[in-house]
């Protein structure tokens, strides 16, 4: 499980360290023996979105097969169910495979045209893949043992970074992209052979409508935390919405609609809980269901949580709040 500060930061740009002879650290981490960054992932242009929508699942499928061969574990569900798109009776893809998490969801959403997507979002920092947490030990052990230079689908493994924690980041060369592409393997709860709704909701990546305004998934999650803290004395993190004094390891309310019900049930009015999946929707819910006397404190709490990023990367979100709530600052 990622800490909140890790969770809200988007785009990895992982570096793999080695020595002057080019030998890489076994964990990818920097150390006295391995002081030099020999590989670094960088955001890639969304000109490549159409290609990667097909090539990334193919690479993940090949890695799934490798993990299964070595351990018997199926990291994306039996028969790779989480990688398979949903299709209608005419064979047209309705939704991508459920492996996606965070902002990767919209990257693979084929209902968003490529021209519209790359116009609104110029580059992508990394790809997030949600694996079955029941197999995380087998998955992590196998991934760390994979040999750099091995081809998985159309992508070639550069190496993995896994200095600590459960999540492992892999760097891969794609023939159309000059810099390594980062894929983060994050372990979450599966119901049967698909990620649970809670697992997907607990790492919401925001909405495409937010992103084209420059508002990121991290802004949505930090704003959710601000509403929870100011209005209810609660806190919101990757482990869900819970009491302010709850243990950090405890599991709270994770399903998006249930989080919305808890945060916006103060007015007794009918609530569109689907709005809670976007920053603009959360602000709309605040206007409609949170008494105005709380708005300034929510704004201040959110702004303070941005820290040094408040008037740089956080400015689009702050400007949206200034335009839609009666706040100053």
Protein backbone atom coordinates (compact mmCIF):
# COMPACT_ATOMS: atom_id res chain seq x y z
CA UNK A 1 0.00 0.00 0.00
CA UNK A 2 1.37 3.41 -0.98
CA UNK A 3 1.60 6.26 1.51
CA UNK A 4 -0.66 9.25 0.75
CA UNK A 5 2.21 11.47 -0.41
CA UNK A 6 3.29 8.79 -2.88
CA UNK A 7 -0.30 8.12 -3.95
CA UNK A 8 -1.12 11.70 -4.90
CA UNK A 9 2.01 12.31 -6.94
CA UNK A 10 1.52 11.48 -10.60
CA UNK A 11 4.07 10.39 -13.15
CA UNK A 12 7.01 8.39 -11.89
CA UNK A 13 10.13 9.23 -13.90
CA UNK A 14 11.94 6.35 -12.21
CA UNK A 15 15.71 6.16 -12.49
CA UNK A 16 17.75 2.98 -12.52
CA UNK A 17 21.21 3.29 -11.00
CA UNK A 18 24.42 1.50 -11.83
CA UNK A 19 28.18 1.88 -11.79
CA UNK A 20 30.61 3.41 -14.26
CA UNK A 21 30.88 0.07 -16.08
CA UNK A 22 27.11 0.06 -16.75
CA UNK A 23 26.27 -2.68 -14.25
CA UNK A 24 22.84 -1.96 -12.75
CA UNK A 25 21.84 -2.14 -9.11
CA UNK A 26 19.80 -5.32 -8.41
CA UNK A 27 16.99 -3.16 -6.98
CA UNK A 28 17.54 -0.22 -9.32
CA UNK A 29 18.25 1.99 -6.30
CA UNK A 30 21.08 4.46 -5.83
CA UNK A 31 23.86 3.43 -3.45
CA UNK A 32 27.56 3.96 -2.88
CA UNK A 33 28.30 1.02 -5.15
CA UNK A 34 25.77 2.13 -7.78
CA UNK A 35 25.91 5.96 -7.82
CA UNK A 36 25.12 6.70 -11.46
CA UNK A 37 21.68 6.99 -13.09
CA UNK A 38 22.04 4.82 -16.18
CA UNK A 39 18.39 4.77 -17.28
CA UNK A 40 15.54 7.18 -16.65
CA UNK A 41 11.91 7.10 -17.70
CA UNK A 42 10.47 10.32 -19.09
CA UNK A 43 6.94 11.38 -20.02
CA UNK A 44 6.10 10.27 -23.54
CA UNK A 45 4.07 12.11 -26.15
CA UNK A 46 0.46 11.05 -26.47
CA UNK A 47 1.08 10.90 -30.20
CA UNK A 48 1.88 7.27 -29.30
CA UNK A 49 -1.40 6.60 -27.47
CA UNK A 50 -3.00 4.53 -30.24
CA UNK A 51 0.03 2.25 -30.48
CA UNK A 52 0.44 1.83 -26.73
CA UNK A 53 -3.24 1.03 -26.23
CA UNK A 54 -2.48 -2.21 -28.06
CA UNK A 55 1.19 -2.78 -27.19
CA UNK A 56 1.05 -2.31 -23.40
CA UNK A 57 -1.62 -5.01 -22.80
CA UNK A 58 0.40 -7.30 -25.07
CA UNK A 59 3.50 -6.70 -22.94
CA UNK A 60 1.54 -7.21 -19.71
CA UNK A 61 0.14 -10.44 -21.13
CA UNK A 62 3.63 -11.75 -21.83
CA UNK A 63 4.77 -10.84 -18.30
CA UNK A 64 1.69 -12.54 -16.86
CA UNK A 65 2.64 -15.71 -18.75
CA UNK A 66 6.18 -15.54 -17.38
CA UNK A 67 5.00 -15.13 -13.78
CA UNK A 68 2.56 -18.01 -14.21
CA UNK A 69 5.24 -20.23 -15.74
CA UNK A 70 7.61 -19.68 -12.81
CA UNK A 71 5.13 -19.64 -9.91
CA UNK A 72 1.68 -20.70 -11.12
CA UNK A 73 0.31 -17.31 -10.00
CA UNK A 74 -1.96 -15.38 -12.36
CA UNK A 75 -1.27 -11.70 -11.71
CA UNK A 76 -4.10 -10.38 -13.92
CA UNK A 77 -6.70 -13.01 -13.03
CA UNK A 78 -7.34 -16.46 -14.43
CA UNK A 79 -6.73 -16.55 -18.17
CA UNK A 80 -5.70 -12.87 -17.95
CA UNK A 81 -9.29 -11.72 -17.54
CA UNK A 82 -8.26 -8.26 -16.29
CA UNK A 83 -6.41 -7.57 -19.55
CA UNK A 84 -9.36 -8.42 -21.78
CA UNK A 85 -11.56 -5.55 -23.01
CA UNK A 86 -15.34 -5.70 -22.77
CA UNK A 87 -16.92 -6.01 -26.21
CA UNK A 88 -20.52 -5.73 -27.42
CA UNK A 89 -22.38 -8.35 -29.44
CA UNK A 90 -20.82 -6.99 -32.62
CA UNK A 91 -17.30 -7.37 -31.27
CA UNK A 92 -16.74 -3.63 -30.73
CA UNK A 93 -14.73 -2.70 -27.65
CA UNK A 94 -16.96 -1.04 -25.07
CA UNK A 95 -14.36 -0.60 -22.32
CA UNK A 96 -10.69 -1.51 -21.87
CA UNK A 97 -9.41 -4.31 -19.69
CA UNK A 98 -9.92 -3.65 -15.98
CA UNK A 99 -6.18 -3.73 -15.19
CA UNK A 100 -5.93 0.05 -15.50
CA UNK A 101 -5.82 2.26 -12.41
CA UNK A 102 -5.45 5.97 -11.77
CA UNK A 103 -5.27 8.23 -14.83
CA UNK A 104 -4.31 5.18 -16.92
CA UNK A 105 -8.05 4.49 -17.10
CA UNK A 106 -8.64 7.40 -19.49
CA UNK A 107 -5.45 6.64 -21.45
CA UNK A 108 -6.97 3.29 -22.48
CA UNK A 109 -10.52 4.58 -22.91
CA UNK A 110 -11.18 4.25 -26.64
CA UNK A 111 -14.33 6.35 -26.38
CA UNK A 112 -12.02 9.39 -26.10
CA UNK A 113 -10.72 10.09 -29.63
CA UNK A 114 -6.94 10.25 -29.99
CA UNK A 115 -7.02 13.74 -31.53
CA UNK A 116 -9.06 15.07 -28.60
CA UNK A 117 -6.93 13.24 -26.04
CA UNK A 118 -3.51 14.37 -27.28
CA UNK A 119 -4.78 17.92 -27.71
CA UNK A 120 -5.94 18.03 -24.10
CA UNK A 121 -3.14 15.97 -22.55
CA UNK A 122 0.20 16.33 -24.30
CA UNK A 123 2.18 13.65 -22.48
CA UNK A 124 1.82 10.70 -20.10
CA UNK A 125 4.21 10.06 -17.22
CA UNK A 126 3.69 6.34 -16.69
CA UNK A 127 1.30 3.43 -17.07
CA UNK A 128 -0.35 1.99 -13.94
CA UNK A 129 -1.25 -1.71 -13.92
CA UNK A 130 -3.30 -3.20 -11.08
CA UNK A 131 -2.36 -6.78 -10.21
CA UNK A 132 -3.99 -9.30 -7.87
CA UNK A 133 -2.57 -8.62 -4.39
CA UNK A 134 -3.08 -12.27 -3.43
CA UNK A 135 -0.08 -13.07 -5.62
CA UNK A 136 2.13 -10.07 -4.84
CA UNK A 137 4.98 -12.08 -3.32
CA UNK A 138 5.18 -14.37 -6.37
CA UNK A 139 4.81 -11.39 -8.71
CA UNK A 140 7.45 -9.27 -6.99
CA UNK A 141 9.96 -12.11 -6.75
CA UNK A 142 9.54 -13.01 -10.42
CA UNK A 143 9.65 -9.43 -11.69
CA UNK A 144 12.86 -8.74 -9.79
CA UNK A 145 14.44 -11.82 -11.40
CA UNK A 146 13.62 -10.91 -15.02
CA UNK A 147 16.63 -10.30 -17.21
CA UNK A 148 17.08 -6.84 -18.78
CA UNK A 149 17.08 -7.00 -22.56
CA UNK A 150 14.29 -9.59 -22.67
CA UNK A 151 11.47 -8.74 -25.05
CA UNK A 152 7.87 -8.88 -23.83
CA UNK A 153 5.53 -8.29 -26.71
CA UNK A 154 6.88 -5.30 -28.64
CA UNK A 155 8.58 -3.81 -25.57
CA UNK A 156 12.01 -4.69 -24.18
CA UNK A 157 12.74 -4.73 -20.46
CA UNK A 158 15.33 -2.21 -19.27
CA UNK A 159 15.03 -3.08 -15.60
CA UNK A 160 12.94 -2.80 -12.43
CA UNK A 161 13.12 -0.35 -9.56
CA UNK A 162 11.98 -1.85 -6.26
CA UNK A 163 14.04 -0.46 -3.38
CA UNK A 164 11.22 -0.80 -0.82
CA UNK A 165 7.50 -1.38 -0.52
CA UNK A 166 5.11 -3.50 -2.56
CA UNK A 167 4.93 -1.53 -5.79
CA UNK A 168 7.49 -2.25 -8.50
CA UNK A 169 8.22 0.05 -11.42
CA UNK A 170 9.49 -1.40 -14.67
CA UNK A 171 11.22 0.52 -17.43
CA UNK A 172 10.69 -0.71 -20.98
CA UNK A 173 11.98 0.34 -24.38
CA UNK A 174 9.31 0.76 -27.04
CA UNK A 175 10.53 0.91 -30.66
CA UNK A 176 8.65 4.17 -31.34
CA UNK A 177 9.63 6.04 -28.18
CA UNK A 178 13.16 7.39 -27.53
CA UNK A 179 13.10 7.17 -23.71
CA UNK A 180 12.12 4.22 -21.50
CA UNK A 181 8.41 3.90 -20.73
CA UNK A 182 7.58 3.37 -17.06
CA UNK A 183 4.99 0.78 -16.04
CA UNK A 184 4.05 0.65 -12.35
CA UNK A 185 2.81 -2.69 -11.04
CA UNK A 186 0.50 -1.91 -8.12
CA UNK A 187 -1.14 -4.68 -6.10
CA UNK A 188 -4.84 -4.35 -5.27
CA UNK A 189 -7.84 -6.40 -4.26
CA UNK A 190 -9.41 -8.61 -6.92
CA UNK A 191 -12.92 -10.04 -6.84
CA UNK A 192 -12.44 -13.32 -8.65
CA UNK A 193 -10.48 -12.49 -11.79
CA UNK A 194 -11.10 -8.74 -11.99
CA UNK A 195 -9.99 -5.83 -9.80
CA UNK A 196 -12.66 -4.98 -7.26
CA UNK A 197 -14.54 -1.71 -7.61
CA UNK A 198 -12.94 -0.59 -4.34
CA UNK A 199 -9.46 -1.25 -5.72
CA UNK A 200 -10.14 0.88 -8.77
CA UNK A 201 -11.98 3.61 -6.88
CA UNK A 202 -9.35 3.94 -4.16
CA UNK A 203 -6.85 5.19 -6.77
CA UNK A 204 -9.08 7.46 -8.77
CA UNK A 205 -7.14 9.33 -11.44
CA UNK A 206 -9.66 12.10 -11.95
CA UNK A 207 -11.57 12.75 -15.16
CA UNK A 208 -10.60 13.68 -18.69
CA UNK A 209 -12.60 16.90 -18.32
CA UNK A 210 -10.42 17.86 -15.35
CA UNK A 211 -7.18 16.93 -17.05
CA UNK A 212 -7.78 19.12 -20.11
CA UNK A 213 -8.12 22.02 -17.67
CA UNK A 214 -4.78 21.10 -16.10
CA UNK A 215 -6.40 19.61 -12.99
CA UNK A 216 -4.78 16.33 -12.00
CA UNK A 217 -5.93 13.22 -10.21
CA UNK A 218 -3.86 14.21 -7.19
CA UNK A 219 -5.92 17.40 -6.90
CA UNK A 220 -9.12 15.36 -6.71
CA UNK A 221 -7.75 13.21 -3.92
CA UNK A 222 -6.30 16.09 -1.93
CA UNK A 223 -9.56 18.00 -2.26
CA UNK A 224 -11.49 14.94 -1.06
CA UNK A 225 -9.21 14.83 1.96
CA UNK A 226 -9.80 18.55 2.62
CA UNK A 227 -13.61 18.14 2.57
CA UNK A 228 -13.37 15.09 4.82
CA UNK A 229 -11.11 16.85 7.30
CA UNK A 230 -12.93 20.20 7.53
CA UNK A 231 -16.54 19.03 7.48
CA UNK A 232 -16.38 15.64 9.18
CA UNK A 233 -13.07 15.47 11.06
CA UNK A 234 -12.17 12.49 8.89
CA UNK A 235 -9.32 11.75 6.48
CA UNK A 236 -9.08 10.33 2.99
CA UNK A 237 -6.13 8.27 1.78
CA UNK A 238 -5.36 5.26 -0.46
CA UNK A 239 -6.85 3.05 2.25
CA UNK A 240 -10.15 4.90 2.08
CA UNK A 241 -12.22 7.41 4.00
CA UNK A 242 -11.99 6.89 7.74
CA UNK A 243 -12.03 8.57 11.14
CA UNK A 244 -9.40 11.21 11.73
CA UNK A 245 -7.78 9.20 14.51
CA UNK A 246 -7.93 5.84 12.70
CA UNK A 247 -4.76 3.79 12.38
CA UNK A 248 -2.91 4.41 9.12
CA UNK A 249 -3.01 0.69 8.35
CA UNK A 250 -6.78 0.41 8.79
CA UNK A 251 -9.12 0.12 5.80
CA UNK A 252 -11.79 2.77 5.37
CA UNK A 253 -14.60 3.43 2.90
CA UNK A 254 -13.17 2.98 -0.58
CA UNK A 255 -16.03 2.77 -3.06
CA UNK A 256 -16.48 6.17 -4.68
CA UNK A 257 -20.25 6.33 -4.29
CA UNK A 258 -20.00 5.41 -0.60
CA UNK A 259 -17.36 8.09 -0.01
CA UNK A 260 -19.72 10.61 -1.62
CA UNK A 261 -22.64 9.50 0.55
CA UNK A 262 -20.57 10.02 3.68
CA UNK A 263 -19.21 13.43 2.70
CA UNK A 264 -22.31 14.99 1.15
CA UNK A 265 -25.25 13.71 3.18
CA UNK A 266 -25.59 16.86 5.26
CA UNK A 267 -28.27 18.69 3.29
CA UNK A 268 -30.83 15.95 2.81
CA UNK A 269 -31.08 16.78 -0.90
CA UNK A 270 -30.84 14.28 -3.74
CA UNK A 271 -27.19 13.76 -4.63
CA UNK A 272 -25.54 12.69 -7.88
CA UNK A 273 -22.76 10.58 -6.39
CA UNK A 274 -21.13 10.06 -9.80
CA UNK A 275 -19.92 13.67 -9.50
CA UNK A 276 -17.44 12.55 -6.84
CA UNK A 277 -15.25 10.99 -9.54
CA UNK A 278 -14.03 14.37 -10.80
CA UNK A 279 -12.59 17.49 -9.22
CA UNK A 280 -15.16 19.74 -10.89
CA UNK A 281 -17.88 17.35 -9.71
CA UNK A 282 -16.60 17.44 -6.14
CA UNK A 283 -16.67 21.23 -6.21
CA UNK A 284 -20.23 21.14 -7.56
CA UNK A 285 -21.22 18.79 -4.71
CA UNK A 286 -19.56 21.15 -2.24
CA UNK A 287 -21.59 24.07 -3.54
CA UNK A 288 -24.83 22.11 -3.42
CA UNK A 289 -24.47 20.15 -0.20
CA UNK A 290 -21.86 21.72 2.10
CA UNK A 291 -22.83 24.88 4.05
CA UNK A 292 -20.98 27.98 2.72
CA UNK A 293 -19.35 28.69 6.07
CA UNK A 294 -17.11 25.64 5.48
CA UNK A 295 -15.93 26.62 2.00
CA UNK A 296 -13.05 28.90 2.97
CA UNK A 297 -11.61 26.36 5.39
CA UNK A 298 -11.85 23.64 2.71
CA UNK A 299 -10.06 25.92 0.23
CA UNK A 300 -7.32 26.82 2.74
CA UNK A 301 -6.79 23.17 3.72
CA UNK A 302 -6.51 22.13 0.09
CA UNK A 303 -4.17 25.00 -0.79
CA UNK A 304 -1.92 24.25 2.19
CA UNK A 305 -1.71 20.59 1.19
CA UNK A 306 -0.29 21.64 -2.19
CA UNK A 307 2.69 23.27 -0.49
CA UNK A 308 5.26 24.64 -2.92
CA UNK A 309 3.15 23.41 -5.86
CA UNK A 310 0.21 25.66 -4.92
CA UNK A 311 0.78 28.36 -7.53
CA UNK A 312 2.52 26.17 -10.11
CA UNK A 313 1.05 22.76 -10.94
CA UNK A 314 -1.83 23.31 -8.49
CA UNK A 315 -2.91 26.65 -9.96
CA UNK A 316 -5.61 25.27 -12.35
CA UNK A 317 -7.35 23.54 -9.42
CA UNK A 318 -7.07 26.62 -7.21
CA UNK A 319 -8.41 28.84 -9.98
CA UNK A 320 -11.36 26.48 -10.40
CA UNK A 321 -12.13 26.75 -6.69
CA UNK A 322 -11.80 30.56 -6.79
CA UNK A 323 -14.27 30.70 -9.66
CA UNK A 324 -16.82 28.32 -8.18
CA UNK A 325 -16.70 28.81 -4.40
CA UNK A 326 -16.95 32.01 -2.41
CA UNK A 327 -13.38 32.00 -1.20
CA UNK A 328 -10.36 34.28 -1.12
CA UNK A 329 -6.68 33.49 -1.18
